[in-house]
Structure formats: C-alpha cells, structure tokens
Protein backbone atom coordinates (compact mmCIF):
# COMPACT_ATOMS: atom_id res chain seq x y z
CA UNK A 1 36.63 -36.92 35.30
CA UNK A 2 39.73 -35.68 33.48
CA UNK A 3 42.21 -38.40 32.48
CA UNK A 4 45.75 -38.00 33.77
CA UNK A 5 47.63 -41.02 32.40
CA UNK A 6 49.21 -39.35 29.39
CA UNK A 7 52.58 -40.87 28.65
CA UNK A 8 52.40 -44.62 29.23
CA UNK A 9 50.34 -45.27 26.13
CA UNK A 10 52.78 -47.80 24.68
CA UNK A 11 52.41 -50.18 27.65
CA UNK A 12 48.63 -49.81 27.72
CA UNK A 13 48.44 -50.35 23.97
CA UNK A 14 50.36 -53.64 24.30
CA UNK A 15 48.00 -54.90 26.99
CA UNK A 16 44.93 -53.84 25.01
CA UNK A 17 46.30 -55.47 21.87
CA UNK A 18 46.79 -58.79 23.69
CA UNK A 19 43.26 -58.74 25.06
CA UNK A 20 41.71 -57.87 21.71
CA UNK A 21 43.79 -60.51 19.91
CA UNK A 22 42.60 -63.20 22.32
CA UNK A 23 38.99 -62.09 21.93
CA UNK A 24 39.29 -62.16 18.16
CA UNK A 25 40.58 -65.74 18.18
CA UNK A 26 37.70 -66.93 20.37
CA UNK A 27 34.84 -65.17 18.54
CA UNK A 28 33.41 -64.84 15.07
CA UNK A 29 35.87 -63.30 12.62
CA UNK A 30 33.19 -60.83 11.50
CA UNK A 31 32.73 -59.37 14.99
CA UNK A 32 33.62 -55.70 15.31
CA UNK A 33 36.57 -54.80 17.55
CA UNK A 34 37.34 -51.44 19.11
CA UNK A 35 39.95 -49.28 17.41
CA UNK A 36 43.32 -49.72 19.07
CA UNK A 37 45.19 -46.82 20.58
CA UNK A 38 48.59 -46.63 18.93
CA UNK A 39 51.53 -44.28 18.63
CA UNK A 40 52.90 -41.69 21.04
CA UNK A 41 51.96 -38.18 22.05
CA UNK A 42 53.86 -35.47 20.19
CA UNK A 43 56.71 -34.07 22.29
CA UNK A 44 55.15 -30.57 22.16
CA UNK A 45 52.33 -31.69 24.44
CA UNK A 46 54.83 -31.81 27.32
CA UNK A 47 54.74 -27.99 27.29
CA UNK A 48 51.04 -27.91 28.27
CA UNK A 49 50.23 -27.26 31.93
CA UNK A 50 49.14 -30.60 33.39
CA UNK A 51 47.15 -28.88 36.12
CA UNK A 52 44.97 -27.17 33.52
CA UNK A 53 44.97 -29.76 30.71
CA UNK A 54 44.68 -33.51 30.33
CA UNK A 55 46.01 -34.93 27.07
CA UNK A 56 45.76 -38.55 25.96
CA UNK A 57 45.54 -40.79 22.92
CA UNK A 58 42.28 -42.30 21.72
CA UNK A 59 42.58 -44.55 18.69
CA UNK A 60 44.45 -42.52 16.09
CA UNK A 61 43.47 -39.22 17.71
CA UNK A 62 44.70 -36.96 20.48
CA UNK A 63 42.17 -35.65 23.00
CA UNK A 64 42.94 -32.38 24.79
CA UNK A 65 40.73 -31.57 27.77
CA UNK A 66 41.26 -28.13 29.30
CA UNK A 67 39.81 -26.35 32.31
CA UNK A 68 39.43 -23.15 30.29
CA UNK A 69 41.16 -21.21 33.06
CA UNK A 70 44.64 -19.67 32.62
CA UNK A 71 47.53 -20.61 34.87
CA UNK A 72 48.89 -17.06 35.19
CA UNK A 73 48.06 -13.73 36.75
CA UNK A 74 45.35 -11.45 35.38
CA UNK A 75 43.02 -8.72 36.56
CA UNK A 76 40.21 -11.05 35.45
CA UNK A 77 40.76 -13.40 38.36
CA UNK A 78 39.02 -10.88 40.58
CA UNK A 79 40.11 -9.34 43.86
CA UNK A 80 40.93 -11.85 46.55
CA UNK A 81 42.20 -14.54 44.19
CA UNK A 82 45.87 -15.51 44.54
CA UNK A 83 46.49 -14.81 40.82
CA UNK A 84 44.72 -11.44 40.78
CA UNK A 85 46.77 -8.38 39.84
CA UNK A 86 45.67 -4.79 39.43
CA UNK A 87 45.52 -3.51 35.87
CA UNK A 88 43.85 -0.11 36.20
CA UNK A 89 44.17 0.63 32.49
CA UNK A 90 42.02 -2.37 31.52
CA UNK A 91 38.34 -1.65 30.81
CA UNK A 92 36.99 -4.77 32.47
CA UNK A 93 34.25 -6.90 30.97
CA UNK A 94 31.50 -7.79 33.48
CA UNK A 95 32.64 -11.31 34.43
CA UNK A 96 35.62 -12.80 36.27
CA UNK A 97 37.45 -16.07 35.64
CA UNK A 98 36.08 -18.08 38.61
CA UNK A 99 32.58 -17.67 37.19
CA UNK A 100 33.52 -20.04 34.34
CA UNK A 101 33.17 -23.70 35.23
CA UNK A 102 33.59 -26.34 32.56
CA UNK A 103 35.89 -28.48 30.48
CA UNK A 104 36.78 -27.62 26.88
CA UNK A 105 37.54 -30.70 24.77
CA UNK A 106 39.35 -30.80 21.43
CA UNK A 107 39.95 -34.03 19.50
CA UNK A 108 42.48 -33.90 16.66
CA UNK A 109 44.42 -36.36 14.54
CA UNK A 110 47.79 -37.59 15.78
CA UNK A 111 49.07 -36.80 12.29
CA UNK A 112 47.20 -33.73 10.97
CA UNK A 113 47.43 -33.12 7.24
CA UNK A 114 47.19 -29.98 5.15
CA UNK A 115 43.80 -29.74 3.45
CA UNK A 116 43.21 -29.09 -0.24
CA UNK A 117 41.71 -25.72 0.68
CA UNK A 118 41.77 -23.53 3.77
CA UNK A 119 38.84 -22.99 6.16
CA UNK A 120 37.90 -19.69 7.79
CA UNK A 121 37.87 -19.57 11.58
CA UNK A 122 34.64 -18.86 13.43
CA UNK A 123 33.81 -16.88 16.56
CA UNK A 124 34.59 -18.73 19.74
CA UNK A 125 37.49 -20.99 20.60
CA UNK A 126 39.78 -21.87 17.69
CA UNK A 127 42.45 -23.54 19.81
CA UNK A 128 43.72 -24.35 23.28
CA UNK A 129 46.74 -22.62 24.79
CA UNK A 130 49.42 -24.33 26.87
CA UNK A 131 48.04 -22.39 29.86
CA UNK A 132 44.69 -24.18 29.69
CA UNK A 133 42.68 -21.23 28.33
CA UNK A 134 41.16 -20.79 24.88
CA UNK A 135 42.62 -19.10 21.80
CA UNK A 136 40.29 -16.87 19.74
CA UNK A 137 40.78 -15.27 16.31
CA UNK A 138 41.05 -11.57 15.42
CA UNK A 139 37.32 -10.82 15.66
CA UNK A 140 35.14 -9.76 18.57
CA UNK A 141 31.37 -10.13 18.38
CA UNK A 142 31.32 -10.16 14.56
CA UNK A 143 33.36 -6.99 14.49
CA UNK A 144 36.97 -5.92 14.45
CA UNK A 145 39.02 -6.65 17.55
CA UNK A 146 39.88 -2.98 18.05
CA UNK A 147 36.40 -2.48 19.50
CA UNK A 148 37.43 -4.63 22.46
CA UNK A 149 41.16 -3.84 22.67
CA UNK A 150 40.71 -1.72 25.80
CA UNK A 151 39.38 -4.74 27.71
CA UNK A 152 42.41 -6.95 27.01
CA UNK A 153 44.76 -7.58 29.91
CA UNK A 154 48.58 -7.44 29.76
CA UNK A 155 48.73 -10.85 28.11
CA UNK A 156 46.12 -10.26 25.41
CA UNK A 157 43.20 -11.96 27.12
CA UNK A 158 39.77 -11.08 28.47
CA UNK A 159 36.41 -12.67 29.17
CA UNK A 160 33.59 -12.76 26.69
CA UNK A 161 30.97 -13.92 26.42
CA UNK A 162 31.75 -16.17 29.37
CA UNK A 163 35.22 -17.78 29.21
CA UNK A 164 38.68 -16.26 29.45
CA UNK A 165 40.54 -16.34 26.11
CA UNK A 166 43.45 -14.82 24.19
CA UNK A 167 43.37 -12.73 21.03
CA UNK A 168 46.92 -11.38 21.23
CA UNK A 169 50.44 -12.66 21.86
CA UNK A 170 50.13 -14.12 25.40
CA UNK A 171 53.02 -12.33 27.08
CA UNK A 172 52.53 -14.27 30.29
CA UNK A 173 54.80 -16.91 28.75
CA UNK A 174 55.80 -15.91 25.20
CA UNK A 175 57.02 -12.48 24.14
CA UNK A 176 58.85 -12.06 20.84
CA UNK A 177 60.29 -15.58 21.02
CA UNK A 178 59.84 -19.15 19.76
CA UNK A 179 57.87 -20.66 22.65
CA UNK A 180 54.84 -22.86 22.06
CA UNK A 181 51.53 -20.99 22.27
CA UNK A 182 49.17 -23.95 21.91
CA UNK A 183 47.34 -26.07 19.40
CA UNK A 184 44.68 -24.99 16.92
CA UNK A 185 41.50 -26.88 16.08
CA UNK A 186 43.00 -28.38 12.92
CA UNK A 187 45.67 -30.17 14.97
CA UNK A 188 48.62 -27.96 14.06
CA UNK A 189 50.70 -26.30 16.78
CA UNK A 190 51.22 -22.55 16.90
CA UNK A 191 54.44 -20.96 18.15
CA UNK A 192 55.62 -17.45 18.98
CA UNK A 193 56.81 -14.94 16.41
CA UNK A 194 60.27 -16.48 16.06
CA UNK A 195 61.22 -19.88 14.67
CA UNK A 196 63.48 -22.33 16.46
CA UNK A 197 64.94 -23.53 13.16
CA UNK A 198 66.46 -20.11 12.39
CA UNK A 199 66.34 -18.35 15.80
CA UNK A 200 64.66 -15.39 14.09
CA UNK A 201 61.42 -14.41 12.36
CA UNK A 202 60.51 -16.87 9.60
CA UNK A 203 60.32 -15.42 6.09
CA UNK A 204 58.59 -18.29 4.31
CA UNK A 205 55.17 -18.20 5.99
CA UNK A 206 51.97 -18.81 4.05
CA UNK A 207 48.81 -16.70 4.26
CA UNK A 208 47.95 -18.29 7.62
CA UNK A 209 51.34 -17.76 9.19
CA UNK A 210 52.37 -21.38 8.72
CA UNK A 211 55.36 -23.17 7.25
CA UNK A 212 57.22 -26.46 7.39
CA UNK A 213 60.42 -26.64 9.43
CA UNK A 214 61.86 -28.26 12.52
CA UNK A 215 60.91 -26.92 15.95
CA UNK A 216 62.33 -27.33 19.44
CA UNK A 217 60.02 -30.35 19.73
CA UNK A 218 60.95 -32.14 16.50
CA UNK A 219 63.98 -33.46 14.67
CA UNK A 220 62.06 -33.70 11.40
CA UNK A 221 60.38 -30.79 9.62
CA UNK A 222 56.64 -30.46 10.17
CA UNK A 223 53.94 -27.91 9.39
CA UNK A 224 53.09 -25.43 12.15
CA UNK A 225 51.91 -21.85 12.63
CA UNK A 226 53.51 -18.74 14.13
CA UNK A 227 52.00 -15.65 15.72
CA UNK A 228 51.75 -13.00 13.02
CA UNK A 229 54.76 -10.67 13.27
CA UNK A 230 52.84 -7.57 12.19
CA UNK A 231 51.82 -4.82 14.56
CA UNK A 232 48.12 -4.37 15.19
CA UNK A 233 46.98 -0.95 16.41
CA UNK A 234 50.69 -0.06 16.60
CA UNK A 235 51.26 -2.12 19.76
CA UNK A 236 49.80 -5.64 19.59
CA UNK A 237 50.46 -8.94 17.82
CA UNK A 238 47.42 -11.03 16.93
CA UNK A 239 47.80 -14.76 17.54
CA UNK A 240 45.93 -16.05 14.50
CA UNK A 241 44.20 -13.81 11.95
CA UNK A 242 44.28 -16.36 9.12
CA UNK A 243 42.44 -19.48 7.97
CA UNK A 244 42.99 -23.04 9.12
CA UNK A 245 45.23 -24.87 6.67
CA UNK A 246 44.10 -28.25 7.99
CA UNK A 247 40.62 -29.64 8.64
CA UNK A 248 39.31 -28.17 11.91
CA UNK A 249 37.45 -30.01 14.65
CA UNK A 250 35.00 -28.40 17.03
CA UNK A 251 35.96 -27.46 20.58
CA UNK A 252 33.16 -28.51 22.89
C-alpha cells in the first residue's frame, strides 16, 4: 500500500526518537537500533501530484513511489478513457496506458552530492516526473530516438516496452519555462529550459545540463538540471541527453 503521510515527519521523528531512547536505556548498549528518520522533505516535492505519487522520508533517504501513469491527457489512454484525446498524427505503439499496472519506486538521498565522475544513463526509467510517469533518456531500443519520434504524443511521451514515459519536454505542464519536471535517479531535480534565478535560459550549464543556483523551491543555491535548450529534429527538446552527475539509484 502506498504511504500518504508525507509532511508530518518532524512529529513522527520526535515520537520515534523517544521510543528508541527509552529502549536503549533499558537494553544492552551494544544492541542495534533502527536508523531514525530525520529532516524534512525538500520543498520541490510539493509539486508532485499526490494522486500519482507518494513521497516520504526513510532514515536519511527520500522514497518516491509512483503509479507510472500520467495525470494528463494523451492518445495513449485509449478511447473511452476520460483523459483520452485524439492525436491522429501519432503513430501509436501497440499498448495503452491502462494496461500498465504497478508501482515504480525510487529511493534517493535527502542530500544528494555530486560524484567524482559522471555515470551514463541506461535504457528504461532514469527519473520520475511530477505527473507520476517515468522519464527516459534520448535513446529508444538501443538506437537513436528519431526512430520512434513519430510515436510520441503532444507532450513527448509514448509507451514502450510497457509503461508510459517521456523523452521530450513534457508540454502538458512545462513549455519553455522554469517549472519542475521531476527528479532523476541520482536525486537531483530537473527543471524546464529556463532558470528561476535569472528568468531566462541558463548559460553556465555543465555537460549534463546542470548548474548550481537558487530555484523557486530554494533560498540557497543547489545543484539541479535543466531540459536541454537545443532543438532536436528541428522541433523537439530532449529532457535529459547527458550523464548523471550524482550517484544513481535503480528505479524498481
């Protein structure tokens, strides 16, 4: 069952601390005790759809559980669904969204750090979007994304091999702006093509489209990514064609 108590961690932590402290005083000092949940969820997590994601603290980590289904319209919902829209120009893949049943889980550090070297992304989910669906890289079936471009809906998503996911700027909620896209598997957030700190396209991005600055969710500068502001096939913007700059976790 997905957990829904996301924001009262401080109160729970105090109660847990009291219980553990009492147990420690009444047992052998060498006994192991469970790791305490501490800290607070990053403010950016408030942008995630709570109907499609459940986000909570576990020890020093954040756990993001997602339905894998998007919260917006798409031709991939299939006729008869309330979120279905016609997109006659889309070369549909064989499946539809309701055929996917499952929970995608990503566990990341509360305080992700830049790694000493970058790590290439792999096929499959590389992050979770605020909509509840997966983020993929710029490849499709070990080949270039242009082989599958015709199957992408208006918001840069399609189904393959079995779950709905985005390759391109998800225009259902972010289009040439600074809005939060989601979180990648290394724990760093990814935003739209513009930066809140400057209200325009950032010019100091590294090879992965990341930099350190404030965002609409922070008062202190922190590392984060942006959608690459370079046209792909003269009409698209790929979400993340680079390497992870942190240490990635798997999305199960």
